[in-house]
PDB file of N, CA and C in Angstrom:
ATOM      1  N   UNK A   1     114.777 101.823  83.607  1.00  0.00           N
ATOM      2  CA  UNK A   1     113.567 101.935  82.806  1.00  0.00           C
ATOM      3  C   UNK A   1     112.993 100.541  82.574  1.00  0.00           C
ATOM      4  N   UNK A   2     111.707 100.416  82.747  1.00  0.00           N
ATOM      5  CA  UNK A   2     111.012  99.144  82.519  1.00  0.00           C
ATOM      6  C   UNK A   2     110.598  99.086  81.053  1.00  0.00           C
ATOM      7  N   UNK A   3     110.814  97.951  80.416  1.00  0.00           N
ATOM      8  CA  UNK A   3     110.481  97.789  78.997  1.00  0.00           C
ATOM      9  C   UNK A   3     109.259  96.899  78.825  1.00  0.00           C
ATOM     10  N   UNK A   4     108.589  96.979  77.677  1.00  0.00           N
ATOM     11  CA  UNK A   4     107.455  96.077  77.430  1.00  0.00           C
ATOM     12  C   UNK A   4     107.841  94.601  77.545  1.00  0.00           C
ATOM     13  N   UNK A   5     109.043  94.251  77.120  1.00  0.00           N
ATOM     14  CA  UNK A   5     109.481  92.850  77.186  1.00  0.00           C
ATOM     15  C   UNK A   5     109.501  92.325  78.617  1.00  0.00           C
ATOM     16  N   UNK A   6     109.725  93.203  79.588  1.00  0.00           N
ATOM     17  CA  UNK A   6     109.757  92.768  80.984  1.00  0.00           C
ATOM     18  C   UNK A   6     108.379  92.303  81.464  1.00  0.00           C
ATOM     19  N   UNK A   7     107.323  92.662  80.747  1.00  0.00           N
ATOM     20  CA  UNK A   7     105.971  92.215  81.077  1.00  0.00           C
ATOM     21  C   UNK A   7     105.463  91.144  80.115  1.00  0.00           C
ATOM     22  N   UNK A   8     106.214  90.860  79.064  1.00  0.00           N
ATOM     23  CA  UNK A   8     105.711  89.928  78.044  1.00  0.00           C
ATOM     24  C   UNK A   8     106.690  88.797  77.789  1.00  0.00           C
ATOM     25  N   UNK A   9     107.719  89.027  77.012  1.00  0.00           N
ATOM     26  CA  UNK A   9     108.616  87.944  76.590  1.00  0.00           C
ATOM     27  C   UNK A   9     109.642  87.545  77.643  1.00  0.00           C
ATOM     28  N   UNK A  10     109.952  88.417  78.586  1.00  0.00           N
ATOM     29  CA  UNK A  10     110.962  88.102  79.601  1.00  0.00           C
ATOM     30  C   UNK A  10     110.369  87.515  80.873  1.00  0.00           C
ATOM     31  N   UNK A  11     109.097  87.181  80.866  1.00  0.00           N
ATOM     32  CA  UNK A  11     108.449  86.613  82.048  1.00  0.00           C
ATOM     33  C   UNK A  11     108.467  85.096  81.992  1.00  0.00           C
ATOM     34  N   UNK A  12     108.206  84.472  83.129  1.00  0.00           N
ATOM     35  CA  UNK A  12     108.125  83.019  83.187  1.00  0.00           C
ATOM     36  C   UNK A  12     106.756  82.640  83.715  1.00  0.00           C
ATOM     37  N   UNK A  13     105.877  82.047  82.921  1.00  0.00           N
ATOM     38  CA  UNK A  13     106.027  81.825  81.479  1.00  0.00           C
ATOM     39  C   UNK A  13     105.841  83.137  80.722  1.00  0.00           C
ATOM     40  N   UNK A  14     106.290  83.190  79.458  1.00  0.00           N
ATOM     41  CA  UNK A  14     106.105  84.401  78.661  1.00  0.00           C
ATOM     42  C   UNK A  14     104.621  84.682  78.421  1.00  0.00           C
ATOM     43  N   UNK A  15     104.290  85.965  78.242  1.00  0.00           N
ATOM     44  CA  UNK A  15     102.907  86.343  77.925  1.00  0.00           C
ATOM     45  C   UNK A  15     102.494  85.654  76.638  1.00  0.00           C
ATOM     46  N   UNK A  16     101.295  85.118  76.648  1.00  0.00           N
ATOM     47  CA  UNK A  16     100.746  84.552  75.423  1.00  0.00           C
ATOM     48  C   UNK A  16      99.244  84.770  75.436  1.00  0.00           C
ATOM     49  N   UNK A  17      98.657  84.853  74.260  1.00  0.00           N
ATOM     50  CA  UNK A  17      97.234  85.064  74.121  1.00  0.00           C
ATOM     51  C   UNK A  17      96.726  84.085  73.079  1.00  0.00           C
ATOM     52  N   UNK A  18      95.634  83.358  73.361  1.00  0.00           N
ATOM     53  CA  UNK A  18      95.132  82.353  72.409  1.00  0.00           C
ATOM     54  C   UNK A  18      94.803  82.932  71.034  1.00  0.00           C
ATOM     55  N   UNK A  19      94.363  84.198  71.003  1.00  0.00           N
ATOM     56  CA  UNK A  19      94.033  84.831  69.718  1.00  0.00           C
ATOM     57  C   UNK A  19      95.221  85.578  69.118  1.00  0.00           C
ATOM     58  N   UNK A  20      96.355  85.515  69.806  1.00  0.00           N
ATOM     59  CA  UNK A  20      97.576  86.185  69.349  1.00  0.00           C
ATOM     60  C   UNK A  20      97.469  87.712  69.406  1.00  0.00           C
ATOM     61  N   UNK A  21      96.631  88.228  70.301  1.00  0.00           N
ATOM     62  CA  UNK A  21      96.495  89.669  70.465  1.00  0.00           C
ATOM     63  C   UNK A  21      97.691  90.221  71.232  1.00  0.00           C
ATOM     64  N   UNK A  22      98.090  91.409  70.874  1.00  0.00           N
ATOM     65  CA  UNK A  22      99.204  92.075  71.551  1.00  0.00           C
ATOM     66  C   UNK A  22      98.777  92.568  72.931  1.00  0.00           C
ATOM     67  N   UNK A  23      99.757  92.725  73.810  1.00  0.00           N
ATOM     68  CA  UNK A  23      99.494  93.300  75.127  1.00  0.00           C
ATOM     69  C   UNK A  23      99.151  94.777  74.954  1.00  0.00           C
ATOM     70  N   UNK A  24      98.117  95.235  75.677  1.00  0.00           N
ATOM     71  CA  UNK A  24      97.655  96.618  75.557  1.00  0.00           C
ATOM     72  C   UNK A  24      97.937  97.427  76.817  1.00  0.00           C
ATOM     73  N   UNK A  25      97.885  96.770  77.985  1.00  0.00           N
ATOM     74  CA  UNK A  25      98.100  97.471  79.247  1.00  0.00           C
ATOM     75  C   UNK A  25      98.563  96.487  80.311  1.00  0.00           C
ATOM     76  N   UNK A  26      99.126  97.037  81.367  1.00  0.00           N
ATOM     77  CA  UNK A  26      99.579  96.257  82.511  1.00  0.00           C
ATOM     78  C   UNK A  26      98.923  96.840  83.756  1.00  0.00           C
ATOM     79  N   UNK A  27      98.431  95.969  84.629  1.00  0.00           N
ATOM     80  CA  UNK A  27      97.926  96.402  85.936  1.00  0.00           C
ATOM     81  C   UNK A  27      98.951  95.966  86.977  1.00  0.00           C
ATOM     82  N   UNK A  28      99.415  96.872  87.792  1.00  0.00           N
ATOM     83  CA  UNK A  28     100.358  96.550  88.858  1.00  0.00           C
ATOM     84  C   UNK A  28      99.537  96.022  90.029  1.00  0.00           C
ATOM     85  N   UNK A  29      99.599  94.720  90.268  1.00  0.00           N
ATOM     86  CA  UNK A  29      98.769  94.090  91.297  1.00  0.00           C
ATOM     87  C   UNK A  29      99.338  94.293  92.699  1.00  0.00           C
ATOM     88  N   UNK A  30     100.643  94.135  92.850  1.00  0.00           N
ATOM     89  CA  UNK A  30     101.299  94.418  94.132  1.00  0.00           C
ATOM     90  C   UNK A  30     102.529  95.267  93.859  1.00  0.00           C
ATOM     91  N   UNK A  31     102.878  96.116  94.807  1.00  0.00           N
ATOM     92  CA  UNK A  31     104.013  97.018  94.646  1.00  0.00           C
ATOM     93  C   UNK A  31     105.334  96.300  94.918  1.00  0.00           C
ATOM     94  N   UNK A  32     106.435  96.832  94.381  1.00  0.00           N
ATOM     95  CA  UNK A  32     107.748  96.208  94.570  1.00  0.00           C
ATOM     96  C   UNK A  32     108.156  96.114  96.042  1.00  0.00           C
ATOM     97  N   UNK A  33     108.960  95.104  96.316  1.00  0.00           N
ATOM     98  CA  UNK A  33     109.514  94.890  97.652  1.00  0.00           C
ATOM     99  C   UNK A  33     110.888  95.539  97.755  1.00  0.00           C
ATOM    100  N   UNK A  34     111.499  95.418  98.914  1.00  0.00           N
ATOM    101  CA  UNK A  34     112.867  95.868  99.190  1.00  0.00           C
ATOM    102  C   UNK A  34     113.082  97.362  98.989  1.00  0.00           C
ATOM    103  N   UNK A  35     112.058  98.155  99.213  1.00  0.00           N
ATOM    104  CA  UNK A  35     112.210  99.599  99.117  1.00  0.00           C
ATOM    105  C   UNK A  35     112.228 100.154  97.712  1.00  0.00           C
ATOM    106  N   UNK A  36     111.967  99.327  96.717  1.00  0.00           N
ATOM    107  CA  UNK A  36     111.964  99.797  95.329  1.00  0.00           C
ATOM    108  C   UNK A  36     110.655 100.538  95.055  1.00  0.00           C
ATOM    109  N   UNK A  37     110.714 101.507  94.148  1.00  0.00           N
ATOM    110  CA  UNK A  37     109.548 102.312  93.813  1.00  0.00           C
ATOM    111  C   UNK A  37     109.368 102.347  92.301  1.00  0.00           C
ATOM    112  N   UNK A  38     108.184 101.954  91.855  1.00  0.00           N
ATOM    113  CA  UNK A  38     107.813 102.113  90.451  1.00  0.00           C
ATOM    114  C   UNK A  38     107.281 103.527  90.270  1.00  0.00           C
ATOM    115  N   UNK A  39     107.711 104.192  89.197  1.00  0.00           N
ATOM    116  CA  UNK A  39     107.231 105.539  88.909  1.00  0.00           C
ATOM    117  C   UNK A  39     106.773 105.600  87.461  1.00  0.00           C
ATOM    118  N   UNK A  40     105.671 106.285  87.247  1.00  0.00           N
ATOM    119  CA  UNK A  40     105.158 106.550  85.911  1.00  0.00           C
ATOM    120  C   UNK A  40     105.269 108.047  85.689  1.00  0.00           C
ATOM    121  N   UNK A  41     106.141 108.437  84.770  1.00  0.00           N
ATOM    122  CA  UNK A  41     106.395 109.854  84.484  1.00  0.00           C
ATOM    123  C   UNK A  41     106.736 110.620  85.760  1.00  0.00           C
ATOM    124  N   UNK A  42     107.503 109.981  86.644  1.00  0.00           N
ATOM    125  CA  UNK A  42     107.966 110.630  87.857  1.00  0.00           C
ATOM    126  C   UNK A  42     107.064 110.515  89.066  1.00  0.00           C
ATOM    127  N   UNK A  43     105.854 110.004  88.894  1.00  0.00           N
ATOM    128  CA  UNK A  43     104.901 109.871  89.998  1.00  0.00           C
ATOM    129  C   UNK A  43     104.833 108.418  90.445  1.00  0.00           C
ATOM    130  N   UNK A  44     104.848 108.184  91.754  1.00  0.00           N
ATOM    131  CA  UNK A  44     104.806 106.820  92.286  1.00  0.00           C
ATOM    132  C   UNK A  44     103.553 106.087  91.818  1.00  0.00           C
ATOM    133  N   UNK A  45     103.753 104.850  91.381  1.00  0.00           N
ATOM    134  CA  UNK A  45     102.653 103.982  90.947  1.00  0.00           C
ATOM    135  C   UNK A  45     101.990 103.396  92.189  1.00  0.00           C
ATOM    136  N   UNK A  46     100.682 103.195  92.133  1.00  0.00           N
ATOM    137  CA  UNK A  46      99.944 102.588  93.238  1.00  0.00           C
ATOM    138  C   UNK A  46      99.498 101.179  92.858  1.00  0.00           C
ATOM    139  N   UNK A  47      99.191 100.381  93.863  1.00  0.00           N
ATOM    140  CA  UNK A  47      98.671  99.031  93.608  1.00  0.00           C
ATOM    141  C   UNK A  47      97.370  99.144  92.816  1.00  0.00           C
ATOM    142  N   UNK A  48      97.192  98.253  91.865  1.00  0.00           N
ATOM    143  CA  UNK A  48      96.040  98.180  90.970  1.00  0.00           C
ATOM    144  C   UNK A  48      96.008  99.275  89.906  1.00  0.00           C
ATOM    145  N   UNK A  49      97.061 100.041  89.791  1.00  0.00           N
ATOM    146  CA  UNK A  49      97.122 101.063  88.741  1.00  0.00           C
ATOM    147  C   UNK A  49      97.322 100.395  87.385  1.00  0.00           C
ATOM    148  N   UNK A  50      96.612 100.875  86.377  1.00  0.00           N
ATOM    149  CA  UNK A  50      96.721 100.367  85.019  1.00  0.00           C
ATOM    150  C   UNK A  50      97.619 101.303  84.223  1.00  0.00           C
ATOM    151  N   UNK A  51      98.576 100.709  83.529  1.00  0.00           N
ATOM    152  CA  UNK A  51      99.540 101.473  82.730  1.00  0.00           C
ATOM    153  C   UNK A  51      99.490 100.952  81.305  1.00  0.00           C
ATOM    154  N   UNK A  52      99.226 101.822  80.355  1.00  0.00           N
ATOM    155  CA  UNK A  52      99.134 101.399  78.962  1.00  0.00           C
ATOM    156  C   UNK A  52     100.528 101.151  78.391  1.00  0.00           C
ATOM    157  N   UNK A  53     100.601 100.228  77.443  1.00  0.00           N
ATOM    158  CA  UNK A  53     101.886  99.871  76.843  1.00  0.00           C
ATOM    159  C   UNK A  53     102.555 101.054  76.143  1.00  0.00           C
ATOM    160  N   UNK A  54     101.772 101.983  75.617  1.00  0.00           N
ATOM    161  CA  UNK A  54     102.399 103.132  74.952  1.00  0.00           C
ATOM    162  C   UNK A  54     103.224 103.950  75.938  1.00  0.00           C
ATOM    163  N   UNK A  55     102.797 104.051  77.198  1.00  0.00           N
ATOM    164  CA  UNK A  55     103.601 104.743  78.208  1.00  0.00           C
ATOM    165  C   UNK A  55     104.856 103.953  78.548  1.00  0.00           C
ATOM    166  N   UNK A  56     104.739 102.634  78.580  1.00  0.00           N
ATOM    167  CA  UNK A  56     105.912 101.801  78.867  1.00  0.00           C
ATOM    168  C   UNK A  56     106.899 101.887  77.708  1.00  0.00           C
ATOM    169  N   UNK A  57     106.406 101.816  76.482  1.00  0.00           N
ATOM    170  CA  UNK A  57     107.262 101.934  75.300  1.00  0.00           C
ATOM    171  C   UNK A  57     107.946 103.301  75.249  1.00  0.00           C
ATOM    172  N   UNK A  58     107.275 104.326  75.745  1.00  0.00           N
ATOM    173  CA  UNK A  58     107.836 105.686  75.757  1.00  0.00           C
ATOM    174  C   UNK A  58     108.793 105.905  76.931  1.00  0.00           C
ATOM    175  N   UNK A  59     109.183 104.835  77.630  1.00  0.00           N
ATOM    176  CA  UNK A  59     110.130 104.887  78.749  1.00  0.00           C
ATOM    177  C   UNK A  59     109.643 105.728  79.921  1.00  0.00           C
ATOM    178  N   UNK A  60     108.328 105.767  80.131  1.00  0.00           N
ATOM    179  CA  UNK A  60     107.774 106.545  81.240  1.00  0.00           C
ATOM    180  C   UNK A  60     107.688 105.749  82.542  1.00  0.00           C
ATOM    181  N   UNK A  61     107.856 104.423  82.463  1.00  0.00           N
ATOM    182  CA  UNK A  61     107.789 103.585  83.663  1.00  0.00           C
ATOM    183  C   UNK A  61     109.198 103.242  84.104  1.00  0.00           C
ATOM    184  N   UNK A  62     109.536 103.621  85.326  1.00  0.00           N
ATOM    185  CA  UNK A  62     110.878 103.374  85.852  1.00  0.00           C
ATOM    186  C   UNK A  62     110.784 102.685  87.211  1.00  0.00           C
ATOM    187  N   UNK A  63     111.878 102.066  87.590  1.00  0.00           N
ATOM    188  CA  UNK A  63     111.980 101.388  88.875  1.00  0.00           C
ATOM    189  C   UNK A  63     113.257 101.856  89.535  1.00  0.00           C
ATOM    190  N   UNK A  64     113.141 102.400  90.728  1.00  0.00           N
ATOM    191  CA  UNK A  64     114.309 102.859  91.475  1.00  0.00           C
ATOM    192  C   UNK A  64     114.314 102.181  92.826  1.00  0.00           C
ATOM    193  N   UNK A  65     115.499 101.931  93.330  1.00  0.00           N
ATOM    194  CA  UNK A  65     115.584 101.263  94.616  1.00  0.00           C
ATOM    195  C   UNK A  65     116.881 101.553  95.326  1.00  0.00           C
ATOM    196  N   UNK A  66     117.011 100.975  96.509  1.00  0.00           N
ATOM    197  CA  UNK A  66     118.184 101.232  97.331  1.00  0.00           C
ATOM    198  C   UNK A  66     119.450 100.513  96.873  1.00  0.00           C
ATOM    199  N   UNK A  67     119.315  99.590  95.915  1.00  0.00           N
ATOM    200  CA  UNK A  67     120.490  98.868  95.440  1.00  0.00           C
ATOM    201  C   UNK A  67     120.735  99.172  93.970  1.00  0.00           C
ATOM    202  N   UNK A  68     121.943  98.949  93.532  1.00  0.00           N
ATOM    203  CA  UNK A  68     122.303  99.203  92.139  1.00  0.00           C
ATOM    204  C   UNK A  68     121.518  98.293  91.205  1.00  0.00           C
ATOM    205  N   UNK A  69     121.390  97.016  91.564  1.00  0.00           N
ATOM    206  CA  UNK A  69     120.695  96.052  90.714  1.00  0.00           C
ATOM    207  C   UNK A  69     119.280  95.812  91.228  1.00  0.00           C
ATOM    208  N   UNK A  70     118.466  96.869  91.218  1.00  0.00           N
ATOM    209  CA  UNK A  70     117.122  96.813  91.794  1.00  0.00           C
ATOM    210  C   UNK A  70     116.250  95.768  91.099  1.00  0.00           C
ATOM    211  N   UNK A  71     116.416  95.541  89.807  1.00  0.00           N
ATOM    212  CA  UNK A  71     115.593  94.553  89.100  1.00  0.00           C
ATOM    213  C   UNK A  71     115.819  93.144  89.619  1.00  0.00           C
ATOM    214  N   UNK A  72     117.008  92.866  90.120  1.00  0.00           N
ATOM    215  CA  UNK A  72     117.307  91.524  90.612  1.00  0.00           C
ATOM    216  C   UNK A  72     116.907  91.332  92.070  1.00  0.00           C
ATOM    217  N   UNK A  73     116.591  92.430  92.779  1.00  0.00           N
ATOM    218  CA  UNK A  73     116.353  92.300  94.212  1.00  0.00           C
ATOM    219  C   UNK A  73     114.926  92.611  94.655  1.00  0.00           C
ATOM    220  N   UNK A  74     114.079  93.062  93.766  1.00  0.00           N
ATOM    221  CA  UNK A  74     112.706  93.366  94.182  1.00  0.00           C
ATOM    222  C   UNK A  74     111.723  92.453  93.454  1.00  0.00           C
ATOM    223  N   UNK A  75     110.535  92.346  94.025  1.00  0.00           N
ATOM    224  CA  UNK A  75     109.483  91.517  93.447  1.00  0.00           C
ATOM    225  C   UNK A  75     108.190  92.325  93.451  1.00  0.00           C
ATOM    226  N   UNK A  76     107.453  92.269  92.333  1.00  0.00           N
ATOM    227  CA  UNK A  76     106.103  92.803  92.303  1.00  0.00           C
ATOM    228  C   UNK A  76     105.307  91.967  91.317  1.00  0.00           C
ATOM    229  N   UNK A  77     103.994  91.967  91.474  1.00  0.00           N
ATOM    230  CA  UNK A  77     103.155  91.178  90.580  1.00  0.00           C
ATOM    231  C   UNK A  77     102.331  92.105  89.693  1.00  0.00           C
ATOM    232  N   UNK A  78     101.945  91.548  88.550  1.00  0.00           N
ATOM    233  CA  UNK A  78     101.203  92.334  87.573  1.00  0.00           C
ATOM    234  C   UNK A  78     100.330  91.416  86.735  1.00  0.00           C
ATOM    235  N   UNK A  79      99.368  92.019  86.050  1.00  0.00           N
ATOM    236  CA  UNK A  79      98.514  91.317  85.094  1.00  0.00           C
ATOM    237  C   UNK A  79      98.574  92.073  83.780  1.00  0.00           C
ATOM    238  N   UNK A  80      98.383  91.362  82.679  1.00  0.00           N
ATOM    239  CA  UNK A  80      98.458  91.964  81.350  1.00  0.00           C
ATOM    240  C   UNK A  80      97.081  91.905  80.699  1.00  0.00           C
ATOM    241  N   UNK A  81      96.696  93.000  80.029  1.00  0.00           N
ATOM    242  CA  UNK A  81      95.436  93.057  79.266  1.00  0.00           C
ATOM    243  C   UNK A  81      95.784  93.122  77.787  1.00  0.00           C
ATOM    244  N   UNK A  82      95.066  92.328  76.981  1.00  0.00           N
ATOM    245  CA  UNK A  82      95.338  92.337  75.545  1.00  0.00           C
ATOM    246  C   UNK A  82      94.378  93.269  74.806  1.00  0.00           C
ATOM    247  N   UNK A  83      94.688  93.541  73.539  1.00  0.00           N
ATOM    248  CA  UNK A  83      93.876  94.475  72.755  1.00  0.00           C
ATOM    249  C   UNK A  83      92.580  93.848  72.258  1.00  0.00           C
ATOM    250  N   UNK A  84      92.461  92.533  72.300  1.00  0.00           N
ATOM    251  CA  UNK A  84      91.259  91.874  71.793  1.00  0.00           C
ATOM    252  C   UNK A  84      90.167  91.756  72.832  1.00  0.00           C
ATOM    253  N   UNK A  85      90.389  90.938  73.848  1.00  0.00           N
ATOM    254  CA  UNK A  85      89.349  90.675  74.848  1.00  0.00           C
ATOM    255  C   UNK A  85      89.272  91.755  75.924  1.00  0.00           C
ATOM    256  N   UNK A  86      90.344  92.522  76.072  1.00  0.00           N
ATOM    257  CA  UNK A  86      90.432  93.569  77.094  1.00  0.00           C
ATOM    258  C   UNK A  86      90.318  92.997  78.508  1.00  0.00           C
ATOM    259  N   UNK A  87      90.670  91.708  78.683  1.00  0.00           N
ATOM    260  CA  UNK A  87      90.659  91.046  79.972  1.00  0.00           C
ATOM    261  C   UNK A  87      92.075  91.005  80.523  1.00  0.00           C
ATOM    262  N   UNK A  88      92.225  91.208  81.832  1.00  0.00           N
ATOM    263  CA  UNK A  88      93.530  91.082  82.471  1.00  0.00           C
ATOM    264  C   UNK A  88      93.794  89.621  82.820  1.00  0.00           C
ATOM    265  N   UNK A  89      95.013  89.154  82.577  1.00  0.00           N
ATOM    266  CA  UNK A  89      95.440  87.829  82.985  1.00  0.00           C
ATOM    267  C   UNK A  89      96.764  87.951  83.704  1.00  0.00           C
ATOM    268  N   UNK A  90      96.955  87.140  84.726  1.00  0.00           N
ATOM    269  CA  UNK A  90      98.202  87.183  85.502  1.00  0.00           C
ATOM    270  C   UNK A  90      99.213  86.242  84.919  1.00  0.00           C
TER     271      UNK A  90
END
């Protein structure tokens, strides 16, 4: 299961917003590598799909792959949108 922290505090650099607005949504810019699949409520996520944080908090976003430690072996890119400006930033 993917958590909100994996898109905010656990990133390098961590998500930050000049106005201190919370993250509101994530856009999946590129899909995972190494055969891993992101799923939202059981349905495969597509590139450029926007996923709201409430779905991520509700454990609806998952990552499955061919290896046991899929989080350590796949790469995908994303952008975060905040609740204030509603702009996506990578």
